[in-house]
Amino acid sequence: MTENDFKEGMTVWLNEGSVPMSLKLKTPNNMWRCTWFIGANVKEWDFLPSQLTNEAPKGASVKDESDPF
């Protein structure tokens, strides 16, 4: 997947694995602002397109509440 294939609202993961995150917007510096939940708390961070994938990591759980960092 290339960075041009990403679209706002798409579900993505970090390449090395993470909780599912939503692409919120593309920033002026060509990063993607992602949002995700840890319990009832919304988290948000900017990632390079090269750090993201639209393929769920093996064994990924939608209910996984770990932080992607």
PDB file of N, CA and C in Angstrom:
ATOM      1  N   MET A   1       0.851  -1.173   0.000  1.00  0.00           N
ATOM      2  CA  MET A   1       0.000   0.000   0.000  1.00  0.00           C
ATOM      3  C   MET A   1       0.897   1.236   0.000  1.00  0.00           C
ATOM      4  N   THR A   2       0.579   2.184  -0.862  1.00  0.00           N
ATOM      5  CA  THR A   2       1.343   3.429  -0.895  1.00  0.00           C
ATOM      6  C   THR A   2       0.626   4.482  -0.061  1.00  0.00           C
ATOM      7  N   GLU A   3       1.351   5.536   0.261  1.00  0.00           N
ATOM      8  CA  GLU A   3       0.740   6.584   1.080  1.00  0.00           C
ATOM      9  C   GLU A   3      -0.443   7.247   0.376  1.00  0.00           C
ATOM     10  N   ASN A   4      -0.489   7.182  -0.957  1.00  0.00           N
ATOM     11  CA  ASN A   4      -1.619   7.754  -1.688  1.00  0.00           C
ATOM     12  C   ASN A   4      -2.883   6.917  -1.551  1.00  0.00           C
ATOM     13  N   ASP A   5      -2.753   5.665  -1.100  1.00  0.00           N
ATOM     14  CA  ASP A   5      -3.910   4.789  -0.933  1.00  0.00           C
ATOM     15  C   ASP A   5      -4.645   5.041   0.386  1.00  0.00           C
ATOM     16  N   PHE A   6      -4.005   5.732   1.328  1.00  0.00           N
ATOM     17  CA  PHE A   6      -4.654   6.013   2.611  1.00  0.00           C
ATOM     18  C   PHE A   6      -5.746   7.057   2.423  1.00  0.00           C
ATOM     19  N   LYS A   7      -6.838   6.866   3.140  1.00  0.00           N
ATOM     20  CA  LYS A   7      -7.973   7.800   3.092  1.00  0.00           C
ATOM     21  C   LYS A   7      -8.466   8.063   4.515  1.00  0.00           C
ATOM     22  N   GLU A   8      -8.964   9.256   4.760  1.00  0.00           N
ATOM     23  CA  GLU A   8      -9.532   9.589   6.068  1.00  0.00           C
ATOM     24  C   GLU A   8     -10.617   8.583   6.426  1.00  0.00           C
ATOM     25  N   GLY A   9     -10.622   8.158   7.688  1.00  0.00           N
ATOM     26  CA  GLY A   9     -11.608   7.207   8.171  1.00  0.00           C
ATOM     27  C   GLY A   9     -11.186   5.758   8.047  1.00  0.00           C
ATOM     28  N   MET A  10     -10.107   5.486   7.312  1.00  0.00           N
ATOM     29  CA  MET A  10      -9.623   4.120   7.113  1.00  0.00           C
ATOM     30  C   MET A  10      -9.066   3.564   8.422  1.00  0.00           C
ATOM     31  N   THR A  11      -9.235   2.273   8.641  1.00  0.00           N
ATOM     32  CA  THR A  11      -8.640   1.596   9.794  1.00  0.00           C
ATOM     33  C   THR A  11      -7.238   1.143   9.424  1.00  0.00           C
ATOM     34  N   VAL A  12      -6.270   1.486  10.280  1.00  0.00           N
ATOM     35  CA  VAL A  12      -4.873   1.137  10.053  1.00  0.00           C
ATOM     36  C   VAL A  12      -4.245   0.614  11.343  1.00  0.00           C
ATOM     37  N   TRP A  13      -3.048   0.039  11.197  1.00  0.00           N
ATOM     38  CA  TRP A  13      -2.249  -0.438  12.322  1.00  0.00           C
ATOM     39  C   TRP A  13      -0.819   0.019  12.068  1.00  0.00           C
ATOM     40  N   LEU A  14      -0.012   0.051  13.110  1.00  0.00           N
ATOM     41  CA  LEU A  14       1.418   0.246  12.911  1.00  0.00           C
ATOM     42  C   LEU A  14       1.983  -1.010  12.264  1.00  0.00           C
ATOM     43  N   ASN A  15       2.990  -0.866  11.436  1.00  0.00           N
ATOM     44  CA  ASN A  15       3.594  -2.014  10.750  1.00  0.00           C
ATOM     45  C   ASN A  15       4.038  -3.091  11.722  1.00  0.00           C
ATOM     46  N   GLU A  16       4.555  -2.703  12.879  1.00  0.00           N
ATOM     47  CA  GLU A  16       5.034  -3.682  13.845  1.00  0.00           C
ATOM     48  C   GLU A  16       3.942  -4.175  14.772  1.00  0.00           C
ATOM     49  N   GLY A  17       2.696  -3.749  14.524  1.00  0.00           N
ATOM     50  CA  GLY A  17       1.556  -4.195  15.326  1.00  0.00           C
ATOM     51  C   GLY A  17       1.089  -3.116  16.280  1.00  0.00           C
ATOM     52  N   SER A  18      -0.197  -3.039  16.473  1.00  0.00           N
ATOM     53  CA  SER A  18      -0.805  -2.059  17.372  1.00  0.00           C
ATOM     54  C   SER A  18      -2.292  -2.355  17.460  1.00  0.00           C
ATOM     55  N   VAL A  19      -2.981  -1.535  18.215  1.00  0.00           N
ATOM     56  CA  VAL A  19      -4.437  -1.590  18.224  1.00  0.00           C
ATOM     57  C   VAL A  19      -4.924  -0.988  16.910  1.00  0.00           C
ATOM     58  N   PRO A  20      -6.162  -1.281  16.500  1.00  0.00           N
ATOM     59  CA  PRO A  20      -6.682  -0.622  15.299  1.00  0.00           C
ATOM     60  C   PRO A  20      -6.824   0.874  15.553  1.00  0.00           C
ATOM     61  N   MET A  21      -6.464   1.657  14.562  1.00  0.00           N
ATOM     62  CA  MET A  21      -6.536   3.114  14.657  1.00  0.00           C
ATOM     63  C   MET A  21      -7.279   3.638  13.433  1.00  0.00           C
ATOM     64  N   SER A  22      -7.897   4.801  13.586  1.00  0.00           N
ATOM     65  CA  SER A  22      -8.581   5.449  12.464  1.00  0.00           C
ATOM     66  C   SER A  22      -7.746   6.612  11.974  1.00  0.00           C
ATOM     67  N   LEU A  23      -7.658   6.736  10.649  1.00  0.00           N
ATOM     68  CA  LEU A  23      -6.979   7.892  10.071  1.00  0.00           C
ATOM     69  C   LEU A  23      -7.910   9.084  10.191  1.00  0.00           C
ATOM     70  N   LYS A  24      -7.478  10.086  10.923  1.00  0.00           N
ATOM     71  CA  LYS A  24      -8.314  11.266  11.145  1.00  0.00           C
ATOM     72  C   LYS A  24      -8.101  12.302  10.044  1.00  0.00           C
ATOM     73  N   LEU A  25      -6.827  12.628   9.766  1.00  0.00           N
ATOM     74  CA  LEU A  25      -6.524  13.618   8.732  1.00  0.00           C
ATOM     75  C   LEU A  25      -5.061  13.543   8.359  1.00  0.00           C
ATOM     76  N   LYS A  26      -4.753  14.085   7.194  1.00  0.00           N
ATOM     77  CA  LYS A  26      -3.367  14.191   6.755  1.00  0.00           C
ATOM     78  C   LYS A  26      -2.876  15.572   7.165  1.00  0.00           C
ATOM     79  N   THR A  27      -1.756  15.627   7.860  1.00  0.00           N
ATOM     80  CA  THR A  27      -1.234  16.890   8.377  1.00  0.00           C
ATOM     81  C   THR A  27      -0.480  17.642   7.274  1.00  0.00           C
ATOM     82  N   PRO A  28      -0.234  18.939   7.477  1.00  0.00           N
ATOM     83  CA  PRO A  28       0.517  19.713   6.473  1.00  0.00           C
ATOM     84  C   PRO A  28       1.926  19.173   6.221  1.00  0.00           C
ATOM     85  N   ASN A  29       2.492  18.447   7.189  1.00  0.00           N
ATOM     86  CA  ASN A  29       3.834  17.890   6.995  1.00  0.00           C
ATOM     87  C   ASN A  29       3.781  16.436   6.505  1.00  0.00           C
ATOM     88  N   ASN A  30       2.665  16.062   5.854  1.00  0.00           N
ATOM     89  CA  ASN A  30       2.479  14.750   5.208  1.00  0.00           C
ATOM     90  C   ASN A  30       2.528  13.556   6.160  1.00  0.00           C
ATOM     91  N   MET A  31       2.093  13.764   7.374  1.00  0.00           N
ATOM     92  CA  MET A  31       1.923  12.662   8.316  1.00  0.00           C
ATOM     93  C   MET A  31       0.428  12.406   8.454  1.00  0.00           C
ATOM     94  N   TRP A  32       0.063  11.250   8.986  1.00  0.00           N
ATOM     95  CA  TRP A  32      -1.343  10.938   9.223  1.00  0.00           C
ATOM     96  C   TRP A  32      -1.635  10.996  10.710  1.00  0.00           C
ATOM     97  N   ARG A  33      -2.640  11.790  11.096  1.00  0.00           N
ATOM     98  CA  ARG A  33      -3.095  11.843  12.474  1.00  0.00           C
ATOM     99  C   ARG A  33      -4.050  10.671  12.686  1.00  0.00           C
ATOM    100  N   CYS A  34      -3.700   9.813  13.620  1.00  0.00           N
ATOM    101  CA  CYS A  34      -4.482   8.622  13.917  1.00  0.00           C
ATOM    102  C   CYS A  34      -5.124   8.764  15.293  1.00  0.00           C
ATOM    103  N   THR A  35      -6.310   8.190  15.442  1.00  0.00           N
ATOM    104  CA  THR A  35      -6.985   8.147  16.730  1.00  0.00           C
ATOM    105  C   THR A  35      -7.308   6.699  17.067  1.00  0.00           C
ATOM    106  N   TRP A  36      -7.317   6.401  18.372  1.00  0.00           N
ATOM    107  CA  TRP A  36      -7.654   5.064  18.849  1.00  0.00           C
ATOM    108  C   TRP A  36      -8.127   5.177  20.280  1.00  0.00           C
ATOM    109  N   PHE A  37      -8.721   4.115  20.781  1.00  0.00           N
ATOM    110  CA  PHE A  37      -9.228   4.097  22.145  1.00  0.00           C
ATOM    111  C   PHE A  37      -8.377   3.205  23.027  1.00  0.00           C
ATOM    112  N   ILE A  38      -8.118   3.666  24.237  1.00  0.00           N
ATOM    113  CA  ILE A  38      -7.562   2.864  25.323  1.00  0.00           C
ATOM    114  C   ILE A  38      -8.631   2.920  26.403  1.00  0.00           C
ATOM    115  N   GLY A  39      -9.421   1.850  26.496  1.00  0.00           N
ATOM    116  CA  GLY A  39     -10.583   1.886  27.386  1.00  0.00           C
ATOM    117  C   GLY A  39     -11.560   2.934  26.869  1.00  0.00           C
ATOM    118  N   ALA A  40     -11.934   3.882  27.718  1.00  0.00           N
ATOM    119  CA  ALA A  40     -12.860   4.951  27.323  1.00  0.00           C
ATOM    120  C   ALA A  40     -12.115   6.207  26.871  1.00  0.00           C
ATOM    121  N   ASN A  41     -10.795   6.165  26.875  1.00  0.00           N
ATOM    122  CA  ASN A  41      -9.991   7.344  26.538  1.00  0.00           C
ATOM    123  C   ASN A  41      -9.572   7.330  25.077  1.00  0.00           C
ATOM    124  N   VAL A  42      -9.766   8.469  24.412  1.00  0.00           N
ATOM    125  CA  VAL A  42      -9.346   8.622  23.025  1.00  0.00           C
ATOM    126  C   VAL A  42      -7.897   9.090  23.010  1.00  0.00           C
ATOM    127  N   LYS A  43      -7.077   8.420  22.225  1.00  0.00           N
ATOM    128  CA  LYS A  43      -5.677   8.798  22.035  1.00  0.00           C
ATOM    129  C   LYS A  43      -5.493   9.263  20.601  1.00  0.00           C
ATOM    130  N   GLU A  44      -4.453  10.055  20.368  1.00  0.00           N
ATOM    131  CA  GLU A  44      -4.221  10.623  19.046  1.00  0.00           C
ATOM    132  C   GLU A  44      -2.733  10.880  18.878  1.00  0.00           C
ATOM    133  N   TRP A  45      -2.208  10.593  17.678  1.00  0.00           N
ATOM    134  CA  TRP A  45      -0.795  10.820  17.397  1.00  0.00           C
ATOM    135  C   TRP A  45      -0.589  10.880  15.895  1.00  0.00           C
ATOM    136  N   ASP A  46       0.465  11.556  15.473  1.00  0.00           N
ATOM    137  CA  ASP A  46       0.796  11.641  14.053  1.00  0.00           C
ATOM    138  C   ASP A  46       1.859  10.600  13.698  1.00  0.00           C
ATOM    139  N   PHE A  47       1.647   9.904  12.572  1.00  0.00           N
ATOM    140  CA  PHE A  47       2.561   8.867  12.118  1.00  0.00           C
ATOM    141  C   PHE A  47       2.934   9.104  10.660  1.00  0.00           C
ATOM    142  N   LEU A  48       4.145   8.706  10.306  1.00  0.00           N
ATOM    143  CA  LEU A  48       4.548   8.716   8.897  1.00  0.00           C
ATOM    144  C   LEU A  48       3.773   7.637   8.150  1.00  0.00           C
ATOM    145  N   PRO A  49       3.440   7.871   6.893  1.00  0.00           N
ATOM    146  CA  PRO A  49       2.739   6.837   6.123  1.00  0.00           C
ATOM    147  C   PRO A  49       3.504   5.513   6.095  1.00  0.00           C
ATOM    148  N   SER A  50       4.824   5.572   6.088  1.00  0.00           N
ATOM    149  CA  SER A  50       5.637   4.349   6.045  1.00  0.00           C
ATOM    150  C   SER A  50       5.519   3.524   7.326  1.00  0.00           C
ATOM    151  N   GLN A  51       4.984   4.109   8.396  1.00  0.00           N
ATOM    152  CA  GLN A  51       4.804   3.392   9.657  1.00  0.00           C
ATOM    153  C   GLN A  51       3.470   2.645   9.712  1.00  0.00           C
ATOM    154  N   LEU A  52       2.590   2.883   8.738  1.00  0.00           N
ATOM    155  CA  LEU A  52       1.217   2.389   8.807  1.00  0.00           C
ATOM    156  C   LEU A  52       0.921   1.327   7.760  1.00  0.00           C
ATOM    157  N   THR A  53      -0.035   0.467   8.083  1.00  0.00           N
ATOM    158  CA  THR A  53      -0.526  -0.538   7.148  1.00  0.00           C
ATOM    159  C   THR A  53      -2.037  -0.676   7.335  1.00  0.00           C
ATOM    160  N   ASN A  54      -2.706  -1.110   6.286  1.00  0.00           N
ATOM    161  CA  ASN A  54      -4.143  -1.381   6.407  1.00  0.00           C
ATOM    162  C   ASN A  54      -4.400  -2.863   6.659  1.00  0.00           C
ATOM    163  N   GLU A  55      -3.338  -3.637   6.857  1.00  0.00           N
ATOM    164  CA  GLU A  55      -3.475  -5.069   7.134  1.00  0.00           C
ATOM    165  C   GLU A  55      -3.339  -5.325   8.630  1.00  0.00           C
ATOM    166  N   ALA A  56      -4.347  -5.970   9.204  1.00  0.00           N
ATOM    167  CA  ALA A  56      -4.323  -6.278  10.634  1.00  0.00           C
ATOM    168  C   ALA A  56      -3.189  -7.249  10.929  1.00  0.00           C
ATOM    169  N   PRO A  57      -2.431  -6.997  11.997  1.00  0.00           N
ATOM    170  CA  PRO A  57      -1.381  -7.944  12.359  1.00  0.00           C
ATOM    171  C   PRO A  57      -1.984  -9.275  12.772  1.00  0.00           C
ATOM    172  N   LYS A  58      -1.253 -10.343  12.558  1.00  0.00           N
ATOM    173  CA  LYS A  58      -1.745 -11.671  12.958  1.00  0.00           C
ATOM    174  C   LYS A  58      -2.040 -11.672  14.454  1.00  0.00           C
ATOM    175  N   GLY A  59      -3.180 -12.207  14.819  1.00  0.00           N
ATOM    176  CA  GLY A  59      -3.564 -12.270  16.222  1.00  0.00           C
ATOM    177  C   GLY A  59      -4.113 -10.966  16.763  1.00  0.00           C
ATOM    178  N   ALA A  60      -4.339  -9.983  15.890  1.00  0.00           N
ATOM    179  CA  ALA A  60      -4.859  -8.696  16.356  1.00  0.00           C
ATOM    180  C   ALA A  60      -6.274  -8.861  16.871  1.00  0.00           C
ATOM    181  N   SER A  61      -6.559  -8.162  17.925  1.00  0.00           N
ATOM    182  CA  SER A  61      -7.886  -8.184  18.520  1.00  0.00           C
ATOM    183  C   SER A  61      -8.455  -6.784  18.515  1.00  0.00           C
ATOM    184  N   VAL A  62      -9.695  -6.647  18.097  1.00  0.00           N
ATOM    185  CA  VAL A  62     -10.345  -5.345  18.120  1.00  0.00           C
ATOM    186  C   VAL A  62     -10.487  -4.862  19.562  1.00  0.00           C
ATOM    187  N   LYS A  63     -10.541  -5.788  20.506  1.00  0.00           N
ATOM    188  CA  LYS A  63     -10.699  -5.405  21.910  1.00  0.00           C
ATOM    189  C   LYS A  63      -9.367  -5.185  22.613  1.00  0.00           C
ATOM    190  N   ASP A  64      -8.260  -5.285  21.890  1.00  0.00           N
ATOM    191  CA  ASP A  64      -6.936  -5.049  22.475  1.00  0.00           C
ATOM    192  C   ASP A  64      -6.857  -3.608  22.938  1.00  0.00           C
ATOM    193  N   GLU A  65      -6.581  -3.373  24.207  1.00  0.00           N
ATOM    194  CA  GLU A  65      -6.558  -2.017  24.734  1.00  0.00           C
ATOM    195  C   GLU A  65      -5.152  -1.547  25.067  1.00  0.00           C
ATOM    196  N   SER A  66      -4.150  -2.152  24.449  1.00  0.00           N
ATOM    197  CA  SER A  66      -2.777  -1.724  24.696  1.00  0.00           C
ATOM    198  C   SER A  66      -2.473  -0.469  23.896  1.00  0.00           C
ATOM    199  N   ASP A  67      -1.520   0.279  24.365  1.00  0.00           N
ATOM    200  CA  ASP A  67      -1.081   1.476  23.678  1.00  0.00           C
ATOM    201  C   ASP A  67      -0.155   1.068  22.543  1.00  0.00           C
ATOM    202  N   PRO A  68      -0.232   1.701  21.342  1.00  0.00           N
ATOM    203  CA  PRO A  68       0.612   1.282  20.232  1.00  0.00           C
ATOM    204  C   PRO A  68       2.073   1.631  20.396  1.00  0.00           C
ATOM    205  N   PHE A  69       2.443   2.338  21.441  1.00  0.00           N
ATOM    206  CA  PHE A  69       3.848   2.708  21.638  1.00  0.00           C
ATOM    207  C   PHE A  69       4.549   1.701  22.485  1.00  0.00           C
TER     208      PHE A  69
END
